[in-house]
C-alpha atoms as a PDB file:
ATOM      1  CA  MET A   1      72.596  79.228  59.841  1.00  0.00           C
ATOM      2  CA  PRO A   2      72.051  76.217  57.525  1.00  0.00           C
ATOM      3  CA  LYS A   3      69.045  76.316  55.256  1.00  0.00           C
ATOM      4  CA  HIS A   4      68.503  72.567  55.560  1.00  0.00           C
ATOM      5  CA  GLU A   5      68.364  70.129  58.442  1.00  0.00           C
ATOM      6  CA  ILE A   6      71.645  68.902  59.969  1.00  0.00           C
ATOM      7  CA  ILE A   7      71.330  65.166  60.600  1.00  0.00           C
ATOM      8  CA  PRO A   8      73.651  62.328  61.608  1.00  0.00           C
ATOM      9  CA  CYS A   9      74.514  59.625  59.120  1.00  0.00           C
ATOM     10  CA  GLU A  10      72.641  56.489  60.146  1.00  0.00           C
ATOM     11  CA  ARG A  11      75.760  54.379  59.577  1.00  0.00           C
ATOM     12  CA  CYS A  12      78.719  56.380  60.939  1.00  0.00           C
ATOM     13  CA  GLY A  13      77.067  59.199  62.882  1.00  0.00           C
ATOM     14  CA  ALA A  14      78.832  61.996  60.983  1.00  0.00           C
ATOM     15  CA  LYS A  15      76.663  65.097  60.800  1.00  0.00           C
ATOM     16  CA  PHE A  16      75.813  66.567  57.413  1.00  0.00           C
ATOM     17  CA  GLU A  17      73.329  68.954  55.852  1.00  0.00           C
ATOM     18  CA  CYS A  18      70.422  66.945  54.403  1.00  0.00           C
ATOM     19  CA  LYS A  19      68.919  68.544  51.323  1.00  0.00           C
ATOM     20  CA  ALA A  20      66.172  66.018  50.614  1.00  0.00           C
ATOM     21  CA  ASN A  21      63.962  68.821  49.318  1.00  0.00           C
ATOM     22  CA  ALA A  22      66.780  69.849  46.926  1.00  0.00           C
ATOM     23  CA  PHE A  23      68.112  66.392  46.086  1.00  0.00           C
ATOM     24  CA  THR A  24      70.326  67.476  43.203  1.00  0.00           C
ATOM     25  CA  LYS A  25      72.226  69.739  45.610  1.00  0.00           C
ATOM     26  CA  CYS A  26      72.535  67.126  48.365  1.00  0.00           C
ATOM     27  CA  GLN A  27      75.917  65.532  49.054  1.00  0.00           C
ATOM     28  CA  CYS A  28      74.461  62.056  48.543  1.00  0.00           C
ATOM     29  CA  SER A  29      73.624  62.845  44.908  1.00  0.00           C
ATOM     30  CA  THR A  30      77.362  62.779  44.149  1.00  0.00           C
ATOM     31  CA  VAL A  31      77.297  58.983  44.559  1.00  0.00           C
ATOM     32  CA  GLN A  32      75.825  57.238  41.529  1.00  0.00           C
ATOM     33  CA  LEU A  33      74.344  53.924  42.649  1.00  0.00           C
ATOM     34  CA  THR A  34      72.847  51.257  40.409  1.00  0.00           C
ATOM     35  CA  LEU A  35      69.357  49.987  41.169  1.00  0.00           C
ATOM     36  CA  ASN A  36      70.850  46.860  42.770  1.00  0.00           C
ATOM     37  CA  GLU A  37      73.165  48.978  44.920  1.00  0.00           C
ATOM     38  CA  VAL A  38      70.253  51.144  46.056  1.00  0.00           C
ATOM     39  CA  GLN A  39      68.334  48.017  47.012  1.00  0.00           C
ATOM     40  CA  TYR A  40      71.347  46.677  48.942  1.00  0.00           C
ATOM     41  CA  VAL A  41      71.724  49.907  50.914  1.00  0.00           C
ATOM     42  CA  SER A  42      67.981  50.181  51.601  1.00  0.00           C
ATOM     43  CA  GLU A  43      67.945  46.640  53.015  1.00  0.00           C
ATOM     44  CA  LEU A  44      70.570  47.703  55.579  1.00  0.00           C
ATOM     45  CA  TYR A  45      69.505  51.272  56.419  1.00  0.00           C
ATOM     46  CA  GLU A  46      66.288  53.288  56.455  1.00  0.00           C
ATOM     47  CA  GLY A  47      67.567  56.822  56.872  1.00  0.00           C
ATOM     48  CA  CYS A  48      70.007  59.134  55.161  1.00  0.00           C
ATOM     49  CA  LEU A  49      73.649  58.219  54.800  1.00  0.00           C
ATOM     50  CA  CYS A  50      76.634  60.458  54.141  1.00  0.00           C
ATOM     51  CA  ALA A  51      78.372  60.250  50.771  1.00  0.00           C
ATOM     52  CA  ALA A  52      81.408  58.531  52.313  1.00  0.00           C
ATOM     53  CA  CYS A  53      79.262  55.713  53.691  1.00  0.00           C
ATOM     54  CA  LEU A  54      77.388  55.375  50.413  1.00  0.00           C
ATOM     55  CA  LEU A  55      80.703  54.959  48.598  1.00  0.00           C
ATOM     56  CA  GLU A  56      81.863  52.370  51.130  1.00  0.00           C
ATOM     57  CA  LEU A  57      78.629  50.403  50.824  1.00  0.00           C
ATOM     58  CA  GLN A  58      78.821  50.581  47.037  1.00  0.00           C
ATOM     59  CA  GLN A  59      82.328  49.117  47.174  1.00  0.00           C
ATOM     60  CA  GLU A  60      81.194  46.475  49.684  1.00  0.00           C
ATOM     61  CA  TYR A  61      78.364  45.441  47.355  1.00  0.00           C
ATOM     62  CA  ARG A  62      80.648  45.279  44.312  1.00  0.00           C
ATOM     63  CA  GLU A  63      83.242  43.182  46.150  1.00  0.00           C
ATOM     64  CA  ALA A  64      80.550  40.720  47.256  1.00  0.00           C
ATOM     65  CA  LEU A  65      79.611  39.904  43.640  1.00  0.00           C
END
């Protein structure tokens, strides 16, 4: 049984284990976003996103520059 909550990604719906209380071990911590990228993502979504979606949004932001 997972130690952390299983939640759906707000963007794609994929389920993943959220480790917000152990952020450095969470899958989202593998994506290194700049402050501007974080702001871009937070303007679009309120909840947790999977690492794949974070990478896609990072690329989307960078291509829009």
